[in-house]
């Protein structure tokens, strides 16, 4: 159940004491609530952001700290907005200025890529589904935009890249290359 649609049933079931299983909902308002009748299969986006930011700090330090700025591109959902907000707060603590957090209500990334190009970030951080990250990367490739890195958030990046998206995602840092926690 998506995070945005998980809150109303969560509140109703809490009120009536009905057991509730949250399969993929990552909204911290659901997964951090101390409720005996709510069972979760996934931690909240706060855990994913902390893991991703800690790993990015280590990767950036190992590379000589070339990344100083970032733009976050996030889906228009509770997950995307929540993740972008947490990233925007955490990245300055590791020396990375957030130039913008751009939500995308559609899968047309052309104008978003133009905005990214104008602001010239060192890193682009997609906070969305893997397929949307691939579409963003392809659009960046088509418009010849190559930041120092594309760093997908740790929850939604794919541990393996399908052959059809290899070219577009070649600049990303996949989960398998990050420090495990």
N, C-alpha and C. Protein backbone atom coordinates (compact mmCIF):
# COMPACT_ATOMS: atom_id res chain seq x y z
N UNK A 1 0.84 -1.17 0.00
CA UNK A 1 0.00 0.00 0.00
C UNK A 1 0.88 1.23 0.00
N UNK A 2 0.67 2.16 -0.96
CA UNK A 2 1.48 3.37 -0.99
C UNK A 2 1.34 4.16 0.30
N UNK A 3 2.38 4.90 0.62
CA UNK A 3 2.39 5.67 1.86
C UNK A 3 1.22 6.64 1.93
N UNK A 4 0.89 7.28 0.82
CA UNK A 4 -0.15 8.29 0.85
C UNK A 4 -1.53 7.69 1.09
N UNK A 5 -1.75 6.46 0.68
CA UNK A 5 -3.06 5.84 0.90
C UNK A 5 -3.08 4.98 2.16
N UNK A 6 -1.95 4.86 2.84
CA UNK A 6 -1.89 4.03 4.03
C UNK A 6 -2.34 4.71 5.31
N UNK A 7 -2.33 6.04 5.34
CA UNK A 7 -2.67 6.74 6.59
C UNK A 7 -4.14 6.64 6.98
N UNK A 8 -5.11 6.88 6.10
CA UNK A 8 -6.51 6.79 6.55
C UNK A 8 -6.89 5.41 7.11
N UNK A 9 -6.57 4.30 6.41
CA UNK A 9 -6.92 3.01 7.02
C UNK A 9 -6.15 2.74 8.30
N UNK A 10 -4.91 3.26 8.37
CA UNK A 10 -4.10 3.09 9.57
C UNK A 10 -4.80 3.72 10.76
N UNK A 11 -5.29 4.92 10.61
CA UNK A 11 -5.95 5.62 11.70
C UNK A 11 -7.26 4.94 12.09
N UNK A 12 -8.03 4.51 11.10
CA UNK A 12 -9.30 3.84 11.36
C UNK A 12 -9.08 2.52 12.10
N UNK A 13 -8.12 1.74 11.64
CA UNK A 13 -7.86 0.44 12.27
C UNK A 13 -7.28 0.62 13.67
N UNK A 14 -6.49 1.66 13.87
CA UNK A 14 -5.97 1.93 15.20
C UNK A 14 -7.13 2.21 16.15
N UNK A 15 -8.07 3.01 15.70
CA UNK A 15 -9.22 3.38 16.52
C UNK A 15 -10.02 2.16 16.96
N UNK A 16 -10.15 1.18 16.08
CA UNK A 16 -10.97 0.00 16.37
C UNK A 16 -10.14 -1.22 16.78
N UNK A 17 -8.82 -1.08 16.86
CA UNK A 17 -7.98 -2.19 17.30
C UNK A 17 -7.86 -3.33 16.31
N UNK A 18 -8.01 -3.03 15.02
CA UNK A 18 -7.95 -4.06 13.97
C UNK A 18 -6.51 -4.20 13.52
N UNK A 19 -5.97 -5.44 13.47
CA UNK A 19 -4.60 -5.62 12.98
C UNK A 19 -4.44 -5.08 11.56
N UNK A 20 -3.27 -4.51 11.30
CA UNK A 20 -3.03 -3.84 10.03
C UNK A 20 -1.62 -4.16 9.57
N UNK A 21 -1.49 -4.61 8.32
CA UNK A 21 -0.18 -4.91 7.74
C UNK A 21 0.17 -3.82 6.74
N UNK A 22 1.32 -3.19 6.92
CA UNK A 22 1.82 -2.18 6.00
C UNK A 22 2.89 -2.87 5.16
N UNK A 23 2.59 -3.11 3.89
CA UNK A 23 3.54 -3.85 3.06
C UNK A 23 4.68 -2.98 2.57
N UNK A 24 4.39 -1.92 1.83
CA UNK A 24 5.46 -1.08 1.30
C UNK A 24 5.34 0.38 1.72
N UNK A 25 4.39 0.71 2.54
CA UNK A 25 4.23 2.08 2.99
C UNK A 25 5.44 2.51 3.81
N UNK A 26 6.07 3.61 3.43
CA UNK A 26 7.29 4.04 4.12
C UNK A 26 7.14 5.38 4.81
N UNK A 27 5.94 5.93 4.81
CA UNK A 27 5.73 7.20 5.49
C UNK A 27 6.06 7.02 6.96
N UNK A 28 6.97 7.84 7.48
CA UNK A 28 7.40 7.71 8.87
C UNK A 28 6.25 7.84 9.86
N UNK A 29 5.17 8.53 9.46
CA UNK A 29 4.01 8.64 10.36
C UNK A 29 3.36 7.29 10.59
N UNK A 30 3.52 6.36 9.64
CA UNK A 30 2.96 5.01 9.80
C UNK A 30 3.95 4.12 10.54
N UNK A 31 5.17 4.07 10.04
CA UNK A 31 6.11 3.06 10.53
C UNK A 31 6.76 3.39 11.86
N UNK A 32 6.68 4.66 12.29
CA UNK A 32 7.27 4.97 13.59
C UNK A 32 6.24 5.03 14.71
N UNK A 33 4.97 4.88 14.36
CA UNK A 33 3.94 4.88 15.40
C UNK A 33 4.07 3.61 16.23
N UNK A 34 4.01 3.75 17.52
CA UNK A 34 4.14 2.59 18.43
C UNK A 34 2.76 1.95 18.61
N UNK A 35 2.37 1.15 17.65
CA UNK A 35 1.05 0.53 17.69
C UNK A 35 1.19 -0.99 17.68
N UNK A 36 0.62 -1.62 18.65
CA UNK A 36 0.74 -3.06 18.79
C UNK A 36 0.03 -3.80 17.66
N UNK A 37 -0.97 -3.19 17.05
CA UNK A 37 -1.74 -3.88 16.02
C UNK A 37 -1.29 -3.56 14.59
N UNK A 38 -0.16 -2.85 14.42
CA UNK A 38 0.35 -2.51 13.09
C UNK A 38 1.65 -3.25 12.84
N UNK A 39 1.70 -3.97 11.74
CA UNK A 39 2.86 -4.78 11.39
C UNK A 39 3.46 -4.23 10.10
N UNK A 40 4.78 -4.07 10.09
CA UNK A 40 5.46 -3.44 8.96
C UNK A 40 6.46 -4.38 8.32
N UNK A 41 6.54 -4.30 6.99
CA UNK A 41 7.54 -5.07 6.25
C UNK A 41 8.74 -4.21 5.87
N UNK A 42 8.67 -2.93 6.13
CA UNK A 42 9.71 -2.01 5.67
C UNK A 42 9.88 -0.90 6.69
N UNK A 43 11.11 -0.43 6.87
CA UNK A 43 11.29 0.75 7.73
C UNK A 43 10.80 2.00 7.02
N UNK A 44 10.71 3.09 7.71
CA UNK A 44 10.27 4.35 7.12
C UNK A 44 11.34 5.00 6.28
N UNK A 45 10.93 6.04 5.53
CA UNK A 45 11.90 6.70 4.65
C UNK A 45 13.01 7.39 5.44
N UNK A 46 12.80 7.64 6.70
CA UNK A 46 13.86 8.22 7.53
C UNK A 46 15.07 7.30 7.61
N UNK A 47 14.82 5.99 7.71
CA UNK A 47 15.91 5.00 7.76
C UNK A 47 16.64 4.96 6.42
N UNK A 48 15.88 5.00 5.33
CA UNK A 48 16.51 4.96 4.01
C UNK A 48 17.37 6.20 3.77
N UNK A 49 16.86 7.36 4.17
CA UNK A 49 17.63 8.59 3.97
C UNK A 49 18.90 8.58 4.80
N UNK A 50 18.82 8.17 6.05
CA UNK A 50 20.02 8.12 6.90
C UNK A 50 21.07 7.20 6.28
N UNK A 51 20.65 6.02 5.82
CA UNK A 51 21.57 5.07 5.20
C UNK A 51 22.20 5.67 3.94
N UNK A 52 21.37 6.30 3.11
CA UNK A 52 21.87 6.88 1.86
C UNK A 52 22.83 8.04 2.12
N UNK A 53 22.49 8.91 3.08
CA UNK A 53 23.34 10.07 3.37
C UNK A 53 24.66 9.63 3.99
N UNK A 54 24.62 8.66 4.90
CA UNK A 54 25.86 8.14 5.49
C UNK A 54 26.77 7.56 4.41
N UNK A 55 26.19 6.80 3.50
CA UNK A 55 26.99 6.20 2.43
C UNK A 55 27.53 7.27 1.48
N UNK A 56 26.70 8.28 1.17
CA UNK A 56 27.15 9.35 0.30
C UNK A 56 28.30 10.12 0.94
N UNK A 57 28.23 10.35 2.22
CA UNK A 57 29.32 11.04 2.93
C UNK A 57 30.62 10.26 2.77
N UNK A 58 30.56 8.93 2.96
CA UNK A 58 31.75 8.09 2.82
C UNK A 58 32.28 8.09 1.39
N UNK A 59 31.37 7.96 0.41
CA UNK A 59 31.78 7.94 -0.99
C UNK A 59 32.41 9.27 -1.40
N UNK A 60 31.79 10.36 -0.97
CA UNK A 60 32.32 11.68 -1.32
C UNK A 60 33.69 11.90 -0.69
N UNK A 61 33.86 11.49 0.57
CA UNK A 61 35.15 11.63 1.26
C UNK A 61 36.22 10.79 0.55
N UNK A 62 35.85 9.57 0.17
CA UNK A 62 36.82 8.69 -0.51
C UNK A 62 37.25 9.25 -1.86
N UNK A 63 36.39 10.05 -2.48
CA UNK A 63 36.71 10.64 -3.78
C UNK A 63 37.37 12.00 -3.65
N UNK A 64 37.62 12.46 -2.42
CA UNK A 64 38.25 13.77 -2.22
C UNK A 64 37.25 14.90 -2.09
N UNK A 65 36.02 14.59 -1.75
CA UNK A 65 34.93 15.57 -1.55
C UNK A 65 34.66 16.46 -2.76
N UNK A 66 34.48 15.86 -3.95
CA UNK A 66 34.19 16.69 -5.12
C UNK A 66 32.76 17.23 -5.14
N UNK A 67 31.83 16.55 -4.45
CA UNK A 67 30.43 16.95 -4.48
C UNK A 67 30.16 17.99 -3.41
N UNK A 68 29.74 19.16 -3.86
CA UNK A 68 29.42 20.26 -2.94
C UNK A 68 27.96 20.68 -3.03
N UNK A 69 27.30 20.35 -4.17
CA UNK A 69 25.91 20.76 -4.38
C UNK A 69 25.08 19.60 -4.91
N UNK A 70 23.77 19.66 -4.65
CA UNK A 70 22.87 18.60 -5.12
C UNK A 70 21.51 19.18 -5.47
N UNK A 71 20.82 18.51 -6.36
CA UNK A 71 19.40 18.76 -6.63
C UNK A 71 18.69 17.45 -6.40
N UNK A 72 17.58 17.52 -5.69
CA UNK A 72 16.74 16.35 -5.42
C UNK A 72 15.55 16.41 -6.37
N UNK A 73 15.29 15.33 -7.08
CA UNK A 73 14.11 15.23 -7.94
C UNK A 73 13.24 14.14 -7.33
N UNK A 74 12.04 14.52 -6.92
CA UNK A 74 11.21 13.55 -6.20
C UNK A 74 9.81 13.43 -6.78
N UNK A 75 9.25 12.25 -6.59
CA UNK A 75 7.88 12.02 -7.03
C UNK A 75 6.92 12.83 -6.17
N UNK A 76 5.78 13.14 -6.74
CA UNK A 76 4.76 13.94 -6.07
C UNK A 76 3.90 13.01 -5.21
N UNK A 77 4.44 12.59 -4.06
CA UNK A 77 3.76 11.66 -3.16
C UNK A 77 4.27 11.89 -1.75
N UNK A 78 3.65 11.22 -0.79
CA UNK A 78 4.13 11.32 0.60
C UNK A 78 5.56 10.80 0.69
N UNK A 79 5.87 9.70 -0.02
CA UNK A 79 7.24 9.17 -0.01
C UNK A 79 8.21 10.19 -0.59
N UNK A 80 7.89 10.71 -1.77
CA UNK A 80 8.81 11.63 -2.45
C UNK A 80 9.02 12.91 -1.67
N UNK A 81 7.94 13.53 -1.21
CA UNK A 81 8.06 14.77 -0.45
C UNK A 81 8.75 14.53 0.89
N UNK A 82 8.42 13.42 1.55
CA UNK A 82 9.05 13.11 2.84
C UNK A 82 10.53 12.85 2.69
N UNK A 83 10.89 12.08 1.67
CA UNK A 83 12.29 11.79 1.42
C UNK A 83 13.06 13.05 1.05
N UNK A 84 12.49 13.87 0.16
CA UNK A 84 13.15 15.11 -0.24
C UNK A 84 13.36 16.03 0.96
N UNK A 85 12.38 16.12 1.82
CA UNK A 85 12.51 16.97 3.00
C UNK A 85 13.62 16.49 3.93
N UNK A 86 13.67 15.18 4.15
CA UNK A 86 14.72 14.62 5.01
C UNK A 86 16.10 14.79 4.39
N UNK A 87 16.19 14.58 3.07
CA UNK A 87 17.47 14.77 2.38
C UNK A 87 17.91 16.23 2.46
N UNK A 88 16.97 17.15 2.25
CA UNK A 88 17.30 18.58 2.28
C UNK A 88 17.83 19.00 3.65
N UNK A 89 17.37 18.35 4.70
CA UNK A 89 17.86 18.65 6.05
C UNK A 89 19.20 17.97 6.33
N UNK A 90 19.41 16.76 5.81
CA UNK A 90 20.60 15.97 6.15
C UNK A 90 21.82 16.30 5.30
N UNK A 91 21.64 16.65 4.04
CA UNK A 91 22.79 16.86 3.15
C UNK A 91 23.70 18.01 3.59
N UNK A 92 23.19 19.13 4.07
CA UNK A 92 24.11 20.19 4.53
C UNK A 92 25.00 19.73 5.68
N UNK A 93 24.53 18.78 6.47
CA UNK A 93 25.35 18.26 7.58
C UNK A 93 26.59 17.51 7.10
N UNK A 94 26.57 17.06 5.83
CA UNK A 94 27.75 16.38 5.29
C UNK A 94 28.46 17.26 4.25
N UNK A 95 28.13 18.55 4.25
CA UNK A 95 28.83 19.50 3.38
C UNK A 95 28.29 19.61 1.97
N UNK A 96 27.05 19.17 1.74
CA UNK A 96 26.46 19.26 0.40
C UNK A 96 25.26 20.20 0.46
N UNK A 97 25.35 21.29 -0.30
CA UNK A 97 24.26 22.28 -0.36
C UNK A 97 23.18 21.78 -1.31
N UNK A 98 21.93 21.85 -0.87
CA UNK A 98 20.81 21.47 -1.72
C UNK A 98 20.35 22.71 -2.47
N UNK A 99 20.54 22.69 -3.79
CA UNK A 99 20.17 23.83 -4.62
C UNK A 99 18.67 23.90 -4.87
N UNK A 100 18.02 22.74 -4.91
CA UNK A 100 16.58 22.70 -5.17
C UNK A 100 16.07 21.29 -4.89
N UNK A 101 14.79 21.21 -4.58
CA UNK A 101 14.07 19.94 -4.49
C UNK A 101 12.88 20.08 -5.44
N UNK A 102 12.93 19.34 -6.53
CA UNK A 102 11.96 19.49 -7.61
C UNK A 102 11.02 18.29 -7.62
N UNK A 103 9.71 18.54 -7.49
CA UNK A 103 8.77 17.43 -7.58
C UNK A 103 8.33 17.27 -9.03
N UNK A 104 8.08 16.03 -9.40
CA UNK A 104 7.62 15.78 -10.77
C UNK A 104 6.26 15.08 -10.71
N UNK A 105 5.21 15.79 -11.16
CA UNK A 105 3.88 15.18 -11.17
C UNK A 105 3.64 14.28 -12.38
N UNK A 106 4.52 14.35 -13.38
CA UNK A 106 4.37 13.51 -14.58
C UNK A 106 5.70 12.84 -14.87
N UNK A 107 5.73 12.06 -15.94
CA UNK A 107 6.97 11.39 -16.34
C UNK A 107 7.72 12.16 -17.43
N UNK A 108 7.33 13.40 -17.68
CA UNK A 108 8.04 14.24 -18.63
C UNK A 108 9.09 15.04 -17.85
N UNK A 109 10.35 14.68 -18.04
CA UNK A 109 11.43 15.29 -17.29
C UNK A 109 12.19 16.36 -18.07
N UNK A 110 11.71 16.73 -19.25
CA UNK A 110 12.44 17.68 -20.08
C UNK A 110 12.67 19.02 -19.37
N UNK A 111 11.62 19.62 -18.83
CA UNK A 111 11.78 20.91 -18.16
C UNK A 111 12.57 20.77 -16.87
N UNK A 112 12.43 19.65 -16.19
CA UNK A 112 13.20 19.41 -14.97
C UNK A 112 14.69 19.35 -15.29
N UNK A 113 15.03 18.69 -16.39
CA UNK A 113 16.44 18.60 -16.78
C UNK A 113 16.98 19.98 -17.16
N UNK A 114 16.15 20.80 -17.78
CA UNK A 114 16.59 22.16 -18.10
C UNK A 114 16.86 22.95 -16.82
N UNK A 115 16.03 22.76 -15.81
CA UNK A 115 16.25 23.42 -14.51
C UNK A 115 17.53 22.92 -13.88
N UNK A 116 17.75 21.61 -13.93
CA UNK A 116 18.98 21.02 -13.37
C UNK A 116 20.20 21.59 -14.09
N UNK A 117 20.12 21.65 -15.41
CA UNK A 117 21.24 22.18 -16.19
C UNK A 117 21.55 23.63 -15.82
N UNK A 118 20.52 24.43 -15.60
CA UNK A 118 20.73 25.85 -15.26
C UNK A 118 21.38 26.01 -13.89
N UNK A 119 21.07 25.11 -12.95
CA UNK A 119 21.59 25.24 -11.59
C UNK A 119 22.93 24.53 -11.39
N UNK A 120 23.30 23.65 -12.32
CA UNK A 120 24.61 22.99 -12.33
C UNK A 120 25.00 22.30 -11.01
N UNK A 121 24.18 21.36 -10.54
CA UNK A 121 24.56 20.65 -9.31
C UNK A 121 25.66 19.63 -9.59
N UNK A 122 26.40 19.28 -8.55
CA UNK A 122 27.38 18.21 -8.68
C UNK A 122 26.69 16.84 -8.71
N UNK A 123 25.62 16.71 -7.93
CA UNK A 123 24.91 15.44 -7.81
C UNK A 123 23.42 15.67 -8.05
N UNK A 124 22.79 14.74 -8.75
CA UNK A 124 21.34 14.70 -8.88
C UNK A 124 20.87 13.48 -8.07
N UNK A 125 19.89 13.71 -7.19
CA UNK A 125 19.39 12.63 -6.34
C UNK A 125 17.92 12.39 -6.66
N UNK A 126 17.62 11.34 -7.45
CA UNK A 126 16.22 11.00 -7.69
C UNK A 126 15.63 10.30 -6.46
N UNK A 127 14.48 10.77 -6.01
CA UNK A 127 13.78 10.12 -4.89
C UNK A 127 12.44 9.64 -5.43
N UNK A 128 12.51 8.57 -6.19
CA UNK A 128 11.32 8.02 -6.83
C UNK A 128 11.55 6.56 -7.21
N UNK A 129 10.61 5.99 -7.95
CA UNK A 129 10.76 4.60 -8.38
C UNK A 129 11.94 4.45 -9.33
N UNK A 130 12.46 3.23 -9.39
CA UNK A 130 13.60 2.95 -10.26
C UNK A 130 13.29 3.33 -11.70
N UNK A 131 12.09 2.96 -12.19
CA UNK A 131 11.76 3.24 -13.59
C UNK A 131 11.75 4.75 -13.85
N UNK A 132 11.25 5.54 -12.89
CA UNK A 132 11.26 6.99 -13.05
C UNK A 132 12.69 7.52 -13.04
N UNK A 133 13.54 6.91 -12.23
CA UNK A 133 14.96 7.31 -12.21
C UNK A 133 15.61 7.05 -13.55
N UNK A 134 15.25 5.94 -14.19
CA UNK A 134 15.79 5.62 -15.51
C UNK A 134 15.31 6.63 -16.54
N UNK A 135 14.03 6.99 -16.47
CA UNK A 135 13.50 7.99 -17.42
C UNK A 135 14.21 9.33 -17.22
N UNK A 136 14.43 9.71 -15.97
CA UNK A 136 15.18 10.95 -15.69
C UNK A 136 16.59 10.86 -16.26
N UNK A 137 17.27 9.73 -16.02
CA UNK A 137 18.64 9.55 -16.51
C UNK A 137 18.68 9.57 -18.04
N UNK A 138 17.70 8.95 -18.68
CA UNK A 138 17.65 8.97 -20.15
C UNK A 138 17.45 10.38 -20.67
N UNK A 139 16.57 11.13 -20.01
CA UNK A 139 16.33 12.51 -20.44
C UNK A 139 17.59 13.35 -20.27
N UNK A 140 18.30 13.14 -19.18
CA UNK A 140 19.56 13.85 -18.96
C UNK A 140 20.57 13.47 -20.05
N UNK A 141 20.63 12.20 -20.39
CA UNK A 141 21.54 11.74 -21.44
C UNK A 141 21.18 12.36 -22.79
N UNK A 142 19.87 12.38 -23.12
CA UNK A 142 19.43 12.98 -24.38
C UNK A 142 19.79 14.46 -24.46
N UNK A 143 19.71 15.15 -23.33
CA UNK A 143 20.02 16.58 -23.30
C UNK A 143 21.50 16.85 -22.98
N UNK A 144 22.28 15.79 -22.98
CA UNK A 144 23.73 15.86 -22.77
C UNK A 144 24.11 16.52 -21.43
N UNK A 145 23.31 16.24 -20.41
CA UNK A 145 23.59 16.74 -19.07
C UNK A 145 24.26 15.63 -18.28
N UNK A 146 25.47 15.87 -17.81
CA UNK A 146 26.24 14.87 -17.07
C UNK A 146 26.77 15.47 -15.77
N UNK A 147 26.00 15.35 -14.68
CA UNK A 147 26.54 15.79 -13.38
C UNK A 147 27.65 14.84 -12.95
N UNK A 148 28.34 15.18 -11.87
CA UNK A 148 29.39 14.30 -11.37
C UNK A 148 28.84 12.94 -10.98
N UNK A 149 27.60 12.91 -10.50
CA UNK A 149 26.98 11.64 -10.11
C UNK A 149 25.47 11.77 -10.08
N UNK A 150 24.83 10.63 -10.27
CA UNK A 150 23.39 10.48 -10.02
C UNK A 150 23.33 9.49 -8.87
N UNK A 151 22.71 9.90 -7.79
CA UNK A 151 22.72 9.09 -6.57
C UNK A 151 21.29 8.76 -6.17
N UNK A 152 20.73 7.65 -6.68
CA UNK A 152 19.37 7.30 -6.31
C UNK A 152 19.28 6.96 -4.83
N UNK A 153 18.13 7.33 -4.21
CA UNK A 153 17.97 7.02 -2.79
C UNK A 153 18.04 5.51 -2.59
N UNK A 154 18.41 5.08 -1.39
CA UNK A 154 18.74 3.68 -1.16
C UNK A 154 17.55 2.75 -1.21
N UNK A 155 16.35 3.24 -1.09
CA UNK A 155 15.19 2.34 -1.07
C UNK A 155 14.81 1.88 -2.46
N UNK A 156 14.86 2.77 -3.41
CA UNK A 156 14.26 2.47 -4.69
C UNK A 156 15.24 2.21 -5.82
N UNK A 157 16.52 2.21 -5.53
CA UNK A 157 17.47 1.92 -6.60
C UNK A 157 17.52 0.41 -6.81
N UNK A 158 17.82 0.02 -8.01
CA UNK A 158 17.84 -1.39 -8.34
C UNK A 158 19.23 -1.97 -8.12
N UNK A 159 19.32 -3.13 -7.43
CA UNK A 159 20.64 -3.73 -7.23
C UNK A 159 21.23 -4.27 -8.53
N UNK A 160 20.40 -4.49 -9.52
CA UNK A 160 20.89 -4.91 -10.83
C UNK A 160 20.27 -4.00 -11.87
N UNK A 161 21.03 -3.71 -12.90
CA UNK A 161 20.51 -2.84 -13.94
C UNK A 161 20.06 -3.67 -15.13
N UNK A 162 18.81 -3.52 -15.55
CA UNK A 162 18.39 -4.23 -16.76
C UNK A 162 19.22 -3.76 -17.95
N UNK A 163 19.47 -4.66 -18.86
CA UNK A 163 20.31 -4.33 -20.02
C UNK A 163 19.75 -3.16 -20.81
N UNK A 164 18.42 -3.01 -20.83
CA UNK A 164 17.83 -1.93 -21.61
C UNK A 164 18.11 -0.55 -21.03
N UNK A 165 18.47 -0.47 -19.74
CA UNK A 165 18.71 0.85 -19.16
C UNK A 165 20.17 1.08 -18.81
N UNK A 166 21.06 0.20 -19.25
CA UNK A 166 22.47 0.31 -18.87
C UNK A 166 23.08 1.64 -19.27
N UNK A 167 22.88 2.08 -20.50
CA UNK A 167 23.50 3.32 -20.96
C UNK A 167 23.01 4.50 -20.14
N UNK A 168 21.72 4.59 -19.91
CA UNK A 168 21.17 5.73 -19.19
C UNK A 168 21.56 5.75 -17.73
N UNK A 169 21.76 4.58 -17.14
CA UNK A 169 22.04 4.53 -15.71
C UNK A 169 23.51 4.29 -15.40
N UNK A 170 24.37 4.36 -16.39
CA UNK A 170 25.79 4.07 -16.18
C UNK A 170 26.46 5.03 -15.20
N UNK A 171 25.94 6.24 -15.02
CA UNK A 171 26.55 7.18 -14.10
C UNK A 171 26.01 7.11 -12.68
N UNK A 172 25.07 6.20 -12.45
CA UNK A 172 24.49 6.12 -11.11
C UNK A 172 25.36 5.28 -10.20
N UNK A 173 25.15 5.44 -8.92
CA UNK A 173 25.87 4.67 -7.91
C UNK A 173 24.89 3.62 -7.39
N UNK A 174 24.96 2.37 -7.86
CA UNK A 174 23.98 1.37 -7.44
C UNK A 174 24.16 0.95 -5.99
N UNK A 175 23.11 0.39 -5.44
CA UNK A 175 23.09 -0.02 -4.04
C UNK A 175 24.22 -1.00 -3.72
N UNK A 176 24.57 -1.87 -4.62
CA UNK A 176 25.58 -2.88 -4.35
C UNK A 176 26.97 -2.28 -4.11
N UNK A 177 27.21 -1.01 -4.51
CA UNK A 177 28.51 -0.37 -4.33
C UNK A 177 28.57 0.50 -3.09
N UNK A 178 27.46 0.53 -2.35
CA UNK A 178 27.41 1.35 -1.16
C UNK A 178 27.78 0.55 0.06
N UNK A 179 28.16 1.27 1.08
CA UNK A 179 28.47 0.65 2.37
C UNK A 179 27.20 0.05 2.94
N UNK A 180 27.26 -1.19 3.36
CA UNK A 180 26.09 -1.82 3.97
C UNK A 180 26.02 -1.42 5.44
N UNK A 181 24.79 -1.30 5.95
CA UNK A 181 24.64 -0.88 7.34
C UNK A 181 24.14 -2.00 8.21
